[in-house]
C-alpha cells in the first residue's frame, strides 16, 4: 500500500494530483481498505467492529476531516505561513531535493513533532487529560487513530511543515504514507511485517502494547509512524497487547470523551455546590424553633 501511494502521487496526471479533493478522497480510502482487510484477516475477535464502534469512529473521522483540519489550518498553518513571509524565510533547497527525499523529510518533520507531543501527553497531567480518552479505547481497528478528545486531535495535528517549501505532491504523499502506517498500527489485521519494516515503522505489535491496560506499559512506543524515534530516544519496548484500555477498560461515550479534560474542574464545582447546599440545609435546621411537647 505504501508503494501504491508513492506511485500514485509520483505518476498520476497533474489534473488529478492538483485537484483540491484528491487528498480528501485518498485518506479515507486508505482507512476503508484496511477496514475491509479486517473482515477477511482478523487479528483478535475481541477487536471486531460493531455498530456502536462504527458510529463513534465515523463521528471522529468526520470531525477530524472537517473541524480539526480547519482549526489546524486557521490557527497554525496560516499564521506560520504569514510569519515565514514576514521574516523572509527561504527554503527553496527543499524543492531541489529528489522527490522521494522530500517525502522522507516531510514524514520525519511531521513524526518528530508528533512523537514529542505524544510523549508530553503521557508525562504532564494537563496534556494527559486531553489524551487519556484515546487510551480508553477497548478495541483497536483501522479507524481508531482518529478517535480522541478534540483538543488532543488538534494538538497532535500541529507541525512546522508550513515553514518549508515542499512540492505539493511530495507533501500529500508523505501524509498518505503516514496514514497507511498509522492505520495499520491501529488495525485489527493479522499481519507480521518483515524485521526491517518493524525496525523503522510502527506496527500493531508496538502500538497495541502502547494501548495496554497497564498505564506504565503505555509509556513507551510513542511513535505514530516511526518507531525508529523510540529506538533513538530510549522509549522503545518490545511486546504486544491484546486487552486494551484504562480504568478497568471502561469505554467512554462521545460526550465523556469530549468533557474528559474538564471533568476534574466539573467535579470540584459539583462538590463545592453540594457542600454549600448541605451547609445551607444545616443552617436552616439549626435555625428552626424546637418542637413543643
Foldseek 3Di string as FASTA:
>chain_A
DLVVLVCCLVDPDPVLNPDPCNLVPLLVVLLVVLLVLCVVFFQDPQQNDDDQVVVQLVVLVVCLSPVLVVCQCVVALVVLLVVLVVVVQDAVVLAVDPLVVNLVVLLCQLQVQLLVLLLVLLPDPLSVLQAQLLLLDFHFALSSVSDFASVNSNSSRHTNCSNHDHDSSSNSSSVSSLSNQLSQLRHRGPDDDDPVLVLFFHHVFQVQQLQAADSVSVSAQSGSTTSNVRVVVVRGDGGGHDGGRYPVSDNDDPVCRHCRSVVVVVVVVVVVVVVVVVVVVVVVVVPDDDDDD
